[in-house]
Structures are given as C-alpha cells and as structure tokens.
Amino acid sequence: MMAGAHFALGITYVTREGLHVRIDFLYEQFSPRLKAGIDFCVSGIFVLPTVSWMAYLLVTKAIEALLIGELSGESEWNPYVWPVYTAIAIGFVAFSLQLAAEAVRRWRELIGIRTNAEH
C-alpha cells in the first residue's frame, strides 16, 4: 500500500517537470504547435477526466475507511488503512490539478498565447 501512496504523490511532480515517458524519437520531430495539440488532447481530453474520476472515488474510499475504522487485515499488526488511502487520494487530487494546469498551458500554446514560464 505504501508503494501506491509514493507513486500517487510522485506522479504530480513527474508531470510538472515533464519527466514522463514519451516516444521521443517521433515526438521531437513535430512542430511546437503540434506537440501542444497532442499534449492538450492526451492530458486534457483523455487523461484528466479519468484521473479526476479516480480521485473522486479514492477520496470517497478514504472517507469511508476513516468512518468505519477499516483495518488492513493483512498482518498481526492490522493497522488502520485510512492514512494510506488518504495519501493516495491526495496524490490523485494533486495529479488532477496538475493535469488541468498542463491542459490550460498547452491550450494557450495551441492558440498562440505566449507563456513566460514553463511551470
């Protein structure tokens, strides 16, 4: 569970810094406007709705686990799971917000509005 929490909290940073995996040998051949269009479609139209929906479900799951006092049931220690669920939910909410910011940034590039900073 903790690995999932680390992943969820780290993916926002990776997206912000542009460190995610791409097929660079093709992507680097495209014009900046085409890159912005591809990034907008992928992040704003496909990934953002899915991640936002997952964030909503994860927040709901974390609240439910807190309210019912859900335990892990995987060891003798049997810890509460709501702290881990909450960390994962926070990570996905932050990821949703970062994807929205990326989509706006790419949309602005696509329509020709200059931006002063990369992030």
PDB file of N, CA and C in Angstrom:
ATOM      1  N   MET A   1       0.812  -1.189   0.000  1.00  0.00           N
ATOM      2  CA  MET A   1       0.000   0.000   0.000  1.00  0.00           C
ATOM      3  C   MET A   1       0.859   1.257   0.000  1.00  0.00           C
ATOM      4  N   MET A   2       1.951   1.231   0.725  1.00  0.00           N
ATOM      5  CA  MET A   2       2.793   2.430   0.790  1.00  0.00           C
ATOM      6  C   MET A   2       3.429   2.740  -0.559  1.00  0.00           C
ATOM      7  N   ALA A   3       3.735   1.716  -1.349  1.00  0.00           N
ATOM      8  CA  ALA A   3       4.282   1.968  -2.681  1.00  0.00           C
ATOM      9  C   ALA A   3       3.263   2.709  -3.533  1.00  0.00           C
ATOM     10  N   GLY A   4       1.989   2.364  -3.392  1.00  0.00           N
ATOM     11  CA  GLY A   4       0.936   3.075  -4.109  1.00  0.00           C
ATOM     12  C   GLY A   4       0.845   4.524  -3.685  1.00  0.00           C
ATOM     13  N   ALA A   5       1.010   4.775  -2.405  1.00  0.00           N
ATOM     14  CA  ALA A   5       0.986   6.148  -1.902  1.00  0.00           C
ATOM     15  C   ALA A   5       2.166   6.947  -2.457  1.00  0.00           C
ATOM     16  N   HIS A   6       3.343   6.339  -2.493  1.00  0.00           N
ATOM     17  CA  HIS A   6       4.513   7.025  -3.047  1.00  0.00           C
ATOM     18  C   HIS A   6       4.310   7.338  -4.526  1.00  0.00           C
ATOM     19  N   PHE A   7       3.784   6.384  -5.265  1.00  0.00           N
ATOM     20  CA  PHE A   7       3.518   6.597  -6.685  1.00  0.00           C
ATOM     21  C   PHE A   7       2.533   7.745  -6.872  1.00  0.00           C
ATOM     22  N   ALA A   8       1.434   7.711  -6.124  1.00  0.00           N
ATOM     23  CA  ALA A   8       0.393   8.723  -6.281  1.00  0.00           C
ATOM     24  C   ALA A   8       0.906  10.108  -5.924  1.00  0.00           C
ATOM     25  N   LEU A   9       1.762  10.210  -4.929  1.00  0.00           N
ATOM     26  CA  LEU A   9       2.299  11.508  -4.548  1.00  0.00           C
ATOM     27  C   LEU A   9       3.404  11.976  -5.493  1.00  0.00           C
ATOM     28  N   GLY A  10       4.104  11.058  -6.131  1.00  0.00           N
ATOM     29  CA  GLY A  10       5.207  11.420  -7.016  1.00  0.00           C
ATOM     30  C   GLY A  10       4.814  11.728  -8.439  1.00  0.00           C
ATOM     31  N   ILE A  11       3.680  11.226  -8.894  1.00  0.00           N
ATOM     32  CA  ILE A  11       3.318  11.392 -10.299  1.00  0.00           C
ATOM     33  C   ILE A  11       3.023  12.845 -10.651  1.00  0.00           C
ATOM     34  N   THR A  12       2.557  13.625  -9.687  1.00  0.00           N
ATOM     35  CA  THR A  12       2.307  15.050  -9.927  1.00  0.00           C
ATOM     36  C   THR A  12       3.613  15.773 -10.246  1.00  0.00           C
ATOM     37  N   TYR A  13       4.637  15.493  -9.471  1.00  0.00           N
ATOM     38  CA  TYR A  13       5.943  16.110  -9.698  1.00  0.00           C
ATOM     39  C   TYR A  13       6.499  15.711 -11.068  1.00  0.00           C
ATOM     40  N   VAL A  14       6.391  14.441 -11.411  1.00  0.00           N
ATOM     41  CA  VAL A  14       6.896  13.955 -12.689  1.00  0.00           C
ATOM     42  C   VAL A  14       6.182  14.655 -13.845  1.00  0.00           C
ATOM     43  N   THR A  15       4.880  14.841 -13.719  1.00  0.00           N
ATOM     44  CA  THR A  15       4.120  15.515 -14.761  1.00  0.00           C
ATOM     45  C   THR A  15       4.524  16.983 -14.856  1.00  0.00           C
ATOM     46  N   ARG A  16       4.657  17.637 -13.717  1.00  0.00           N
ATOM     47  CA  ARG A  16       5.043  19.051 -13.703  1.00  0.00           C
ATOM     48  C   ARG A  16       6.400  19.275 -14.357  1.00  0.00           C
ATOM     49  N   GLU A  17       7.336  18.386 -14.101  1.00  0.00           N
ATOM     50  CA  GLU A  17       8.686  18.534 -14.631  1.00  0.00           C
ATOM     51  C   GLU A  17       8.840  17.977 -16.044  1.00  0.00           C
ATOM     52  N   GLY A  18       7.800  17.332 -16.577  1.00  0.00           N
ATOM     53  CA  GLY A  18       7.879  16.768 -17.921  1.00  0.00           C
ATOM     54  C   GLY A  18       8.797  15.570 -18.019  1.00  0.00           C
ATOM     55  N   LEU A  19       8.876  14.785 -16.961  1.00  0.00           N
ATOM     56  CA  LEU A  19       9.790  13.643 -16.918  1.00  0.00           C
ATOM     57  C   LEU A  19       9.126  12.321 -17.275  1.00  0.00           C
ATOM     58  N   HIS A  20       7.874  12.366 -17.687  1.00  0.00           N
ATOM     59  CA  HIS A  20       7.183  11.127 -18.024  1.00  0.00           C
ATOM     60  C   HIS A  20       7.703  10.563 -19.348  1.00  0.00           C
ATOM     61  N   VAL A  21       7.401   9.336 -19.618  1.00  0.00           N
ATOM     62  CA  VAL A  21       7.938   8.639 -20.782  1.00  0.00           C
ATOM     63  C   VAL A  21       7.130   9.004 -22.022  1.00  0.00           C
ATOM     64  N   ARG A  22       7.833   9.337 -23.069  1.00  0.00           N
ATOM     65  CA  ARG A  22       7.230   9.601 -24.374  1.00  0.00           C
ATOM     66  C   ARG A  22       8.019   8.824 -25.410  1.00  0.00           C
ATOM     67  N   ILE A  23       7.448   8.744 -26.585  1.00  0.00           N
ATOM     68  CA  ILE A  23       8.179   8.160 -27.707  1.00  0.00           C
ATOM     69  C   ILE A  23       8.915   9.323 -28.366  1.00  0.00           C
ATOM     70  N   ASP A  24      10.047   9.690 -27.761  1.00  0.00           N
ATOM     71  CA  ASP A  24      10.744  10.913 -28.136  1.00  0.00           C
ATOM     72  C   ASP A  24      11.238  10.929 -29.573  1.00  0.00           C
ATOM     73  N   PHE A  25      11.604   9.797 -30.116  1.00  0.00           N
ATOM     74  CA  PHE A  25      12.149   9.830 -31.469  1.00  0.00           C
ATOM     75  C   PHE A  25      11.094  10.287 -32.481  1.00  0.00           C
ATOM     76  N   LEU A  26       9.823  10.127 -32.183  1.00  0.00           N
ATOM     77  CA  LEU A  26       8.763  10.668 -33.035  1.00  0.00           C
ATOM     78  C   LEU A  26       8.355  12.064 -32.586  1.00  0.00           C
ATOM     79  N   TYR A  27       8.135  12.221 -31.307  1.00  0.00           N
ATOM     80  CA  TYR A  27       7.616  13.464 -30.728  1.00  0.00           C
ATOM     81  C   TYR A  27       8.540  14.644 -31.007  1.00  0.00           C
ATOM     82  N   GLU A  28       9.832  14.442 -30.942  1.00  0.00           N
ATOM     83  CA  GLU A  28      10.793  15.532 -31.147  1.00  0.00           C
ATOM     84  C   GLU A  28      10.812  16.032 -32.587  1.00  0.00           C
ATOM     85  N   GLN A  29      10.280  15.272 -33.521  1.00  0.00           N
ATOM     86  CA  GLN A  29      10.230  15.685 -34.920  1.00  0.00           C
ATOM     87  C   GLN A  29       9.079  16.653 -35.199  1.00  0.00           C
ATOM     88  N   PHE A  30       8.123  16.748 -34.283  1.00  0.00           N
ATOM     89  CA  PHE A  30       6.926  17.562 -34.500  1.00  0.00           C
ATOM     90  C   PHE A  30       7.192  19.031 -34.196  1.00  0.00           C
ATOM     91  N   SER A  31       6.370  19.886 -34.794  1.00  0.00           N
ATOM     92  CA  SER A  31       6.447  21.322 -34.521  1.00  0.00           C
ATOM     93  C   SER A  31       5.943  21.591 -33.094  1.00  0.00           C
ATOM     94  N   PRO A  32       6.329  22.726 -32.509  1.00  0.00           N
ATOM     95  CA  PRO A  32       5.844  23.048 -31.161  1.00  0.00           C
ATOM     96  C   PRO A  32       4.318  23.110 -31.084  1.00  0.00           C
ATOM     97  N   ARG A  33       3.678  23.586 -32.118  1.00  0.00           N
ATOM     98  CA  ARG A  33       2.216  23.673 -32.119  1.00  0.00           C
ATOM     99  C   ARG A  33       1.580  22.281 -32.144  1.00  0.00           C
ATOM    100  N   LEU A  34       2.140  21.371 -32.943  1.00  0.00           N
ATOM    101  CA  LEU A  34       1.622  20.004 -32.976  1.00  0.00           C
ATOM    102  C   LEU A  34       1.859  19.300 -31.642  1.00  0.00           C
ATOM    103  N   LYS A  35       3.034  19.540 -31.039  1.00  0.00           N
ATOM    104  CA  LYS A  35       3.305  18.980 -29.713  1.00  0.00           C
ATOM    105  C   LYS A  35       2.278  19.472 -28.701  1.00  0.00           C
ATOM    106  N   ALA A  36       1.974  20.777 -28.742  1.00  0.00           N
ATOM    107  CA  ALA A  36       0.995  21.340 -27.818  1.00  0.00           C
ATOM    108  C   ALA A  36      -0.385  20.719 -28.052  1.00  0.00           C
ATOM    109  N   GLY A  37      -0.741  20.499 -29.315  1.00  0.00           N
ATOM    110  CA  GLY A  37      -2.029  19.871 -29.635  1.00  0.00           C
ATOM    111  C   GLY A  37      -2.109  18.446 -29.127  1.00  0.00           C
ATOM    112  N   ILE A  38      -1.055  17.695 -29.334  1.00  0.00           N
ATOM    113  CA  ILE A  38      -1.027  16.302 -28.858  1.00  0.00           C
ATOM    114  C   ILE A  38      -1.090  16.276 -27.331  1.00  0.00           C
ATOM    115  N   ASP A  39      -0.288  17.110 -26.687  1.00  0.00           N
ATOM    116  CA  ASP A  39      -0.283  17.152 -25.220  1.00  0.00           C
ATOM    117  C   ASP A  39      -1.640  17.580 -24.673  1.00  0.00           C
ATOM    118  N   PHE A  40      -2.272  18.568 -25.313  1.00  0.00           N
ATOM    119  CA  PHE A  40      -3.591  19.000 -24.860  1.00  0.00           C
ATOM    120  C   PHE A  40      -4.611  17.873 -24.988  1.00  0.00           C
ATOM    121  N   CYS A  41      -4.625  17.205 -26.132  1.00  0.00           N
ATOM    122  CA  CYS A  41      -5.592  16.116 -26.323  1.00  0.00           C
ATOM    123  C   CYS A  41      -5.373  14.988 -25.325  1.00  0.00           C
ATOM    124  N   VAL A  42      -4.133  14.599 -25.156  1.00  0.00           N
ATOM    125  CA  VAL A  42      -3.849  13.483 -24.257  1.00  0.00           C
ATOM    126  C   VAL A  42      -4.148  13.854 -22.808  1.00  0.00           C
ATOM    127  N   SER A  43      -3.595  14.993 -22.357  1.00  0.00           N
ATOM    128  CA  SER A  43      -3.765  15.332 -20.941  1.00  0.00           C
ATOM    129  C   SER A  43      -5.135  15.900 -20.633  1.00  0.00           C
ATOM    130  N   GLY A  44      -5.666  16.752 -21.483  1.00  0.00           N
ATOM    131  CA  GLY A  44      -6.918  17.429 -21.179  1.00  0.00           C
ATOM    132  C   GLY A  44      -8.173  16.665 -21.521  1.00  0.00           C
ATOM    133  N   ILE A  45      -8.124  15.907 -22.602  1.00  0.00           N
ATOM    134  CA  ILE A  45      -9.342  15.234 -23.064  1.00  0.00           C
ATOM    135  C   ILE A  45      -9.424  13.788 -22.595  1.00  0.00           C
ATOM    136  N   PHE A  46      -8.298  13.090 -22.558  1.00  0.00           N
ATOM    137  CA  PHE A  46      -8.332  11.673 -22.206  1.00  0.00           C
ATOM    138  C   PHE A  46      -7.945  11.393 -20.756  1.00  0.00           C
ATOM    139  N   VAL A  47      -6.799  11.879 -20.326  1.00  0.00           N
ATOM    140  CA  VAL A  47      -6.275  11.508 -19.016  1.00  0.00           C
ATOM    141  C   VAL A  47      -6.967  12.271 -17.875  1.00  0.00           C
ATOM    142  N   LEU A  48      -7.189  13.580 -18.032  1.00  0.00           N
ATOM    143  CA  LEU A  48      -7.771  14.384 -16.958  1.00  0.00           C
ATOM    144  C   LEU A  48      -9.126  13.869 -16.482  1.00  0.00           C
ATOM    145  N   PRO A  49     -10.080  13.577 -17.363  1.00  0.00           N
ATOM    146  CA  PRO A  49     -11.365  13.057 -16.852  1.00  0.00           C
ATOM    147  C   PRO A  49     -11.212  11.731 -16.107  1.00  0.00           C
ATOM    148  N   THR A  50     -10.364  10.866 -16.598  1.00  0.00           N
ATOM    149  CA  THR A  50     -10.166   9.572 -15.951  1.00  0.00           C
ATOM    150  C   THR A  50      -9.524   9.728 -14.581  1.00  0.00           C
ATOM    151  N   VAL A  51      -8.479  10.521 -14.498  1.00  0.00           N
ATOM    152  CA  VAL A  51      -7.789  10.717 -13.223  1.00  0.00           C
ATOM    153  C   VAL A  51      -8.687  11.460 -12.234  1.00  0.00           C
ATOM    154  N   SER A  52      -9.466  12.415 -12.717  1.00  0.00           N
ATOM    155  CA  SER A  52     -10.394  13.133 -11.830  1.00  0.00           C
ATOM    156  C   SER A  52     -11.447  12.193 -11.259  1.00  0.00           C
ATOM    157  N   TRP A  53     -11.954  11.317 -12.093  1.00  0.00           N
ATOM    158  CA  TRP A  53     -12.937  10.327 -11.632  1.00  0.00           C
ATOM    159  C   TRP A  53     -12.300   9.399 -10.589  1.00  0.00           C
ATOM    160  N   MET A  54     -11.076   8.958 -10.863  1.00  0.00           N
ATOM    161  CA  MET A  54     -10.375   8.104  -9.899  1.00  0.00           C
ATOM    162  C   MET A  54     -10.121   8.849  -8.595  1.00  0.00           C
ATOM    163  N   ALA A  55      -9.768  10.130  -8.678  1.00  0.00           N
ATOM    164  CA  ALA A  55      -9.541  10.926  -7.470  1.00  0.00           C
ATOM    165  C   ALA A  55     -10.817  11.007  -6.641  1.00  0.00           C
ATOM    166  N   TYR A  56     -11.933  11.212  -7.295  1.00  0.00           N
ATOM    167  CA  TYR A  56     -13.215  11.259  -6.582  1.00  0.00           C
ATOM    168  C   TYR A  56     -13.477   9.935  -5.863  1.00  0.00           C
ATOM    169  N   LEU A  57     -13.283   8.826  -6.567  1.00  0.00           N
ATOM    170  CA  LEU A  57     -13.500   7.510  -5.955  1.00  0.00           C
ATOM    171  C   LEU A  57     -12.547   7.263  -4.792  1.00  0.00           C
ATOM    172  N   LEU A  58     -11.296   7.686  -4.937  1.00  0.00           N
ATOM    173  CA  LEU A  58     -10.311   7.480  -3.877  1.00  0.00           C
ATOM    174  C   LEU A  58     -10.604   8.340  -2.643  1.00  0.00           C
ATOM    175  N   VAL A  59     -11.063   9.567  -2.853  1.00  0.00           N
ATOM    176  CA  VAL A  59     -11.449  10.408  -1.715  1.00  0.00           C
ATOM    177  C   VAL A  59     -12.622   9.770  -0.990  1.00  0.00           C
ATOM    178  N   THR A  60     -13.590   9.270  -1.752  1.00  0.00           N
ATOM    179  CA  THR A  60     -14.747   8.598  -1.163  1.00  0.00           C
ATOM    180  C   THR A  60     -14.309   7.367  -0.364  1.00  0.00           C
ATOM    181  N   LYS A  61     -13.386   6.596  -0.919  1.00  0.00           N
ATOM    182  CA  LYS A  61     -12.884   5.397  -0.236  1.00  0.00           C
ATOM    183  C   LYS A  61     -12.137   5.766   1.045  1.00  0.00           C
ATOM    184  N   ALA A  62     -11.337   6.825   1.010  1.00  0.00           N
ATOM    185  CA  ALA A  62     -10.588   7.246   2.206  1.00  0.00           C
ATOM    186  C   ALA A  62     -11.542   7.702   3.308  1.00  0.00           C
ATOM    187  N   ILE A  63     -12.563   8.454   2.950  1.00  0.00           N
ATOM    188  CA  ILE A  63     -13.547   8.910   3.943  1.00  0.00           C
ATOM    189  C   ILE A  63     -14.288   7.718   4.530  1.00  0.00           C
ATOM    190  N   GLU A  64     -14.689   6.791   3.676  1.00  0.00           N
ATOM    191  CA  GLU A  64     -15.396   5.594   4.145  1.00  0.00           C
ATOM    192  C   GLU A  64     -14.524   4.777   5.084  1.00  0.00           C
ATOM    193  N   ALA A  65     -13.245   4.596   4.735  1.00  0.00           N
ATOM    194  CA  ALA A  65     -12.329   3.833   5.595  1.00  0.00           C
ATOM    195  C   ALA A  65     -12.150   4.510   6.949  1.00  0.00           C
ATOM    196  N   LEU A  66     -12.114   5.836   6.964  1.00  0.00           N
ATOM    197  CA  LEU A  66     -11.999   6.559   8.220  1.00  0.00           C
ATOM    198  C   LEU A  66     -13.253   6.383   9.071  1.00  0.00           C
ATOM    199  N   LEU A  67     -14.411   6.514   8.450  1.00  0.00           N
ATOM    200  CA  LEU A  67     -15.669   6.444   9.191  1.00  0.00           C
ATOM    201  C   LEU A  67     -15.949   5.066   9.783  1.00  0.00           C
ATOM    202  N   ILE A  68     -15.591   4.008   9.045  1.00  0.00           N
ATOM    203  CA  ILE A  68     -15.880   2.664   9.557  1.00  0.00           C
ATOM    204  C   ILE A  68     -14.706   2.058  10.322  1.00  0.00           C
ATOM    205  N   GLY A  69     -13.559   2.761  10.320  1.00  0.00           N
ATOM    206  CA  GLY A  69     -12.386   2.243  11.027  1.00  0.00           C
ATOM    207  C   GLY A  69     -11.806   1.011  10.359  1.00  0.00           C
ATOM    208  N   GLU A  70     -11.739   1.020   9.028  1.00  0.00           N
ATOM    209  CA  GLU A  70     -11.246  -0.141   8.270  1.00  0.00           C
ATOM    210  C   GLU A  70      -9.802  -0.469   8.641  1.00  0.00           C
ATOM    211  N   LEU A  71      -9.541  -1.753   8.824  1.00  0.00           N
ATOM    212  CA  LEU A  71      -8.206  -2.258   9.136  1.00  0.00           C
ATOM    213  C   LEU A  71      -7.676  -3.028   7.940  1.00  0.00           C
ATOM    214  N   SER A  72      -6.359  -3.198   7.883  1.00  0.00           N
ATOM    215  CA  SER A  72      -5.765  -3.840   6.716  1.00  0.00           C
ATOM    216  C   SER A  72      -6.090  -5.327   6.631  1.00  0.00           C
ATOM    217  N   GLY A  73      -6.076  -6.007   7.750  1.00  0.00           N
ATOM    218  CA  GLY A  73      -6.357  -7.436   7.748  1.00  0.00           C
ATOM    219  C   GLY A  73      -5.263  -8.274   7.118  1.00  0.00           C
ATOM    220  N   GLU A  74      -4.082  -7.700   6.925  1.00  0.00           N
ATOM    221  CA  GLU A  74      -3.008  -8.415   6.244  1.00  0.00           C
ATOM    222  C   GLU A  74      -1.878  -8.858   7.166  1.00  0.00           C
ATOM    223  N   SER A  75      -1.931  -8.476   8.435  1.00  0.00           N
ATOM    224  CA  SER A  75      -0.860  -8.874   9.344  1.00  0.00           C
ATOM    225  C   SER A  75      -1.395  -8.883  10.766  1.00  0.00           C
ATOM    226  N   GLU A  76      -0.552  -9.316  11.679  1.00  0.00           N
ATOM    227  CA  GLU A  76      -0.919  -9.293  13.089  1.00  0.00           C
ATOM    228  C   GLU A  76      -1.074  -7.869  13.605  1.00  0.00           C
ATOM    229  N   TRP A  77      -0.312  -6.968  13.021  1.00  0.00           N
ATOM    230  CA  TRP A  77      -0.373  -5.576  13.426  1.00  0.00           C
ATOM    231  C   TRP A  77      -1.738  -4.976  13.084  1.00  0.00           C
ATOM    232  N   ASN A  78      -2.250  -5.295  11.894  1.00  0.00           N
ATOM    233  CA  ASN A  78      -3.586  -4.913  11.443  1.00  0.00           C
ATOM    234  C   ASN A  78      -3.850  -3.405  11.582  1.00  0.00           C
ATOM    235  N   PRO A  79      -3.038  -2.577  10.906  1.00  0.00           N
ATOM    236  CA  PRO A  79      -3.184  -1.126  11.070  1.00  0.00           C
ATOM    237  C   PRO A  79      -4.410  -0.569  10.350  1.00  0.00           C
ATOM    238  N   TYR A  80      -4.789   0.639  10.728  1.00  0.00           N
ATOM    239  CA  TYR A  80      -5.828   1.361  10.002  1.00  0.00           C
ATOM    240  C   TYR A  80      -5.314   1.697   8.604  1.00  0.00           C
ATOM    241  N   VAL A  81      -6.214   1.672   7.640  1.00  0.00           N
ATOM    242  CA  VAL A  81      -5.785   1.929   6.262  1.00  0.00           C
ATOM    243  C   VAL A  81      -6.141   3.326   5.775  1.00  0.00           C
ATOM    244  N   TRP A  82      -6.931   4.067   6.540  1.00  0.00           N
ATOM    245  CA  TRP A  82      -7.330   5.376   6.046  1.00  0.00           C
ATOM    246  C   TRP A  82      -6.162   6.335   5.821  1.00  0.00           C
ATOM    247  N   PRO A  83      -5.058   6.283   6.599  1.00  0.00           N
ATOM    248  CA  PRO A  83      -3.959   7.203   6.289  1.00  0.00           C
ATOM    249  C   PRO A  83      -3.342   6.946   4.905  1.00  0.00           C
ATOM    250  N   VAL A  84      -3.226   5.675   4.561  1.00  0.00           N
ATOM    251  CA  VAL A  84      -2.660   5.344   3.250  1.00  0.00           C
ATOM    252  C   VAL A  84      -3.647   5.714   2.153  1.00  0.00           C
ATOM    253  N   TYR A  85      -4.914   5.393   2.343  1.00  0.00           N
ATOM    254  CA  TYR A  85      -5.934   5.770   1.357  1.00  0.00           C
ATOM    255  C   TYR A  85      -5.971   7.287   1.179  1.00  0.00           C
ATOM    256  N   THR A  86      -5.814   8.014   2.258  1.00  0.00           N
ATOM    257  CA  THR A  86      -5.825   9.472   2.190  1.00  0.00           C
ATOM    258  C   THR A  86      -4.626   9.989   1.402  1.00  0.00           C
ATOM    259  N   ALA A  87      -3.449   9.416   1.636  1.00  0.00           N
ATOM    260  CA  ALA A  87      -2.253   9.827   0.890  1.00  0.00           C
ATOM    261  C   ALA A  87      -2.429   9.566  -0.603  1.00  0.00           C
ATOM    262  N   ILE A  88      -2.984   8.415  -0.940  1.00  0.00           N
ATOM    263  CA  ILE A  88      -3.221   8.097  -2.353  1.00  0.00           C
ATOM    264  C   ILE A  88      -4.243   9.060  -2.939  1.00  0.00           C
ATOM    265  N   ALA A  89      -5.308   9.353  -2.210  1.00  0.00           N
ATOM    266  CA  ALA A  89      -6.336  10.276  -2.692  1.00  0.00           C
ATOM    267  C   ALA A  89      -5.757  11.674  -2.897  1.00  0.00           C
ATOM    268  N   ILE A  90      -4.943  12.140  -1.947  1.00  0.00           N
ATOM    269  CA  ILE A  90      -4.308  13.456  -2.087  1.00  0.00           C
ATOM    270  C   ILE A  90      -3.420  13.482  -3.328  1.00  0.00           C
ATOM    271  N   GLY A  91      -2.687  12.400  -3.547  1.00  0.00           N
ATOM    272  CA  GLY A  91      -1.839  12.323  -4.736  1.00  0.00           C
ATOM    273  C   GLY A  91      -2.633  12.421  -6.022  1.00  0.00           C
ATOM    274  N   PHE A  92      -3.766  11.738  -6.086  1.00  0.00           N
ATOM    275  CA  PHE A  92      -4.570  11.778  -7.303  1.00  0.00           C
ATOM    276  C   PHE A  92      -5.293  13.114  -7.478  1.00  0.00           C
ATOM    277  N   VAL A  93      -5.685  13.749  -6.390  1.00  0.00           N
ATOM    278  CA  VAL A  93      -6.275  15.092  -6.494  1.00  0.00           C
ATOM    279  C   VAL A  93      -5.215  16.067  -7.017  1.00  0.00           C
ATOM    280  N   ALA A  94      -4.012  15.998  -6.473  1.00  0.00           N
ATOM    281  CA  ALA A  94      -2.924  16.863  -6.945  1.00  0.00           C
ATOM    282  C   ALA A  94      -2.602  16.578  -8.404  1.00  0.00           C
ATOM    283  N   PHE A  95      -2.615  15.312  -8.792  1.00  0.00           N
ATOM    284  CA  PHE A  95      -2.360  14.935 -10.182  1.00  0.00           C
ATOM    285  C   PHE A  95      -3.443  15.505 -11.096  1.00  0.00           C
ATOM    286  N   SER A  96      -4.695  15.472 -10.658  1.00  0.00           N
ATOM    287  CA  SER A  96      -5.789  16.053 -11.442  1.00  0.00           C
ATOM    288  C   SER A  96      -5.573  17.548 -11.641  1.00  0.00           C
ATOM    289  N   LEU A  97      -5.197  18.232 -10.566  1.00  0.00           N
ATOM    290  CA  LEU A  97      -4.951  19.669 -10.674  1.00  0.00           C
ATOM    291  C   LEU A  97      -3.776  19.970 -11.601  1.00  0.00           C
ATOM    292  N   GLN A  98      -2.723  19.150 -11.517  1.00  0.00           N
ATOM    293  CA  GLN A  98      -1.574  19.358 -12.395  1.00  0.00           C
ATOM    294  C   GLN A  98      -1.929  19.091 -13.849  1.00  0.00           C
ATOM    295  N   LEU A  99      -2.741  18.077 -14.098  1.00  0.00           N
ATOM    296  CA  LEU A  99      -3.180  17.803 -15.469  1.00  0.00           C
ATOM    297  C   LEU A  99      -4.023  18.952 -16.009  1.00  0.00           C
ATOM    298  N   ALA A 100      -4.873  19.530 -15.166  1.00  0.00           N
ATOM    299  CA  ALA A 100      -5.671  20.679 -15.597  1.00  0.00           C
ATOM    300  C   ALA A 100      -4.762  21.859 -15.941  1.00  0.00           C
ATOM    301  N   ALA A 101      -3.738  22.098 -15.120  1.00  0.00           N
ATOM    302  CA  ALA A 101      -2.790  23.179 -15.402  1.00  0.00           C
ATOM    303  C   ALA A 101      -2.037  22.921 -16.702  1.00  0.00           C
ATOM    304  N   GLU A 102      -1.622  21.669 -16.912  1.00  0.00           N
ATOM    305  CA  GLU A 102      -0.932  21.317 -18.163  1.00  0.00           C
ATOM    306  C   GLU A 102      -1.839  21.499 -19.369  1.00  0.00           C
ATOM    307  N   ALA A 103      -3.104  21.113 -19.233  1.00  0.00           N
ATOM    308  CA  ALA A 103      -4.044  21.264 -20.345  1.00  0.00           C
ATOM    309  C   ALA A 103      -4.235  22.738 -20.684  1.00  0.00           C
ATOM    310  N   VAL A 104      -4.374  23.587 -19.675  1.00  0.00           N
ATOM    311  CA  VAL A 104      -4.518  25.029 -19.918  1.00  0.00           C
ATOM    312  C   VAL A 104      -3.251  25.581 -20.578  1.00  0.00           C
ATOM    313  N   ARG A 105      -2.102  25.171 -20.076  1.00  0.00           N
ATOM    314  CA  ARG A 105      -0.830  25.633 -20.641  1.00  0.00           C
ATOM    315  C   ARG A 105      -0.712  25.222 -22.112  1.00  0.00           C
ATOM    316  N   ARG A 106      -1.042  23.982 -22.413  1.00  0.00           N
ATOM    317  CA  ARG A 106      -0.943  23.511 -23.802  1.00  0.00           C
ATOM    318  C   ARG A 106      -1.986  24.173 -24.695  1.00  0.00           C
ATOM    319  N   TRP A 107      -3.186  24.430 -24.149  1.00  0.00           N
ATOM    320  CA  TRP A 107      -4.220  25.125 -24.919  1.00  0.00           C
ATOM    321  C   TRP A 107      -3.739  26.533 -25.280  1.00  0.00           C
ATOM    322  N   ARG A 108      -3.127  27.204 -24.310  1.00  0.00           N
ATOM    323  CA  ARG A 108      -2.601  28.549 -24.574  1.00  0.00           C
ATOM    324  C   ARG A 108      -1.519  28.513 -25.642  1.00  0.00           C
ATOM    325  N   GLU A 109      -0.664  27.507 -25.603  1.00  0.00           N
ATOM    326  CA  GLU A 109       0.356  27.357 -26.651  1.00  0.00           C
ATOM    327  C   GLU A 109      -0.298  27.084 -27.993  1.00  0.00           C
ATOM    328  N   LEU A 110      -1.324  26.288 -28.009  1.00  0.00           N
ATOM    329  CA  LEU A 110      -2.007  25.899 -29.236  1.00  0.00           C
ATOM    330  C   LEU A 110      -2.660  27.088 -29.923  1.00  0.00           C
ATOM    331  N   ILE A 111      -3.254  27.996 -29.143  1.00  0.00           N
ATOM    332  CA  ILE A 111      -3.915  29.149 -29.754  1.00  0.00           C
ATOM    333  C   ILE A 111      -2.983  30.345 -29.895  1.00  0.00           C
ATOM    334  N   GLY A 112      -1.738  30.197 -29.473  1.00  0.00           N
ATOM    335  CA  GLY A 112      -0.728  31.215 -29.732  1.00  0.00           C
ATOM    336  C   GLY A 112      -0.500  32.225 -28.639  1.00  0.00           C
ATOM    337  N   ILE A 113      -0.948  31.963 -27.429  1.00  0.00           N
ATOM    338  CA  ILE A 113      -0.681  32.863 -26.312  1.00  0.00           C
ATOM    339  C   ILE A 113       0.655  32.473 -25.695  1.00  0.00           C
ATOM    340  N   ARG A 114       1.555  33.430 -25.611  1.00  0.00           N
ATOM    341  CA  ARG A 114       2.879  33.139 -25.041  1.00  0.00           C
ATOM    342  C   ARG A 114       2.801  33.023 -23.541  1.00  0.00           C
ATOM    343  N   THR A 115       3.594  32.125 -23.006  1.00  0.00           N
ATOM    344  CA  THR A 115       3.700  31.988 -21.558  1.00  0.00           C
ATOM    345  C   THR A 115       5.108  32.372 -21.143  1.00  0.00           C
ATOM    346  N   ASN A 116       5.233  32.983 -19.979  1.00  0.00           N
ATOM    347  CA  ASN A 116       6.538  33.436 -19.507  1.00  0.00           C
ATOM    348  C   ASN A 116       7.351  32.324 -18.874  1.00  0.00           C
ATOM    349  N   ALA A 117       6.679  31.337 -18.276  1.00  0.00           N
ATOM    350  CA  ALA A 117       7.404  30.288 -17.559  1.00  0.00           C
ATOM    351  C   ALA A 117       6.941  28.926 -18.038  1.00  0.00           C
ATOM    352  N   GLU A 118       7.831  27.983 -17.902  1.00  0.00           N
ATOM    353  CA  GLU A 118       7.474  26.606 -18.239  1.00  0.00           C
ATOM    354  C   GLU A 118       6.538  26.010 -17.219  1.00  0.00           C
ATOM    355  N   HIS A 119       6.743  26.320 -15.909  1.00  0.00           N
ATOM    356  CA  HIS A 119       5.875  25.831 -14.839  1.00  0.00           C
ATOM    357  C   HIS A 119       6.010  26.647 -13.624  1.00  0.00           C
TER     358      HIS A 119
END
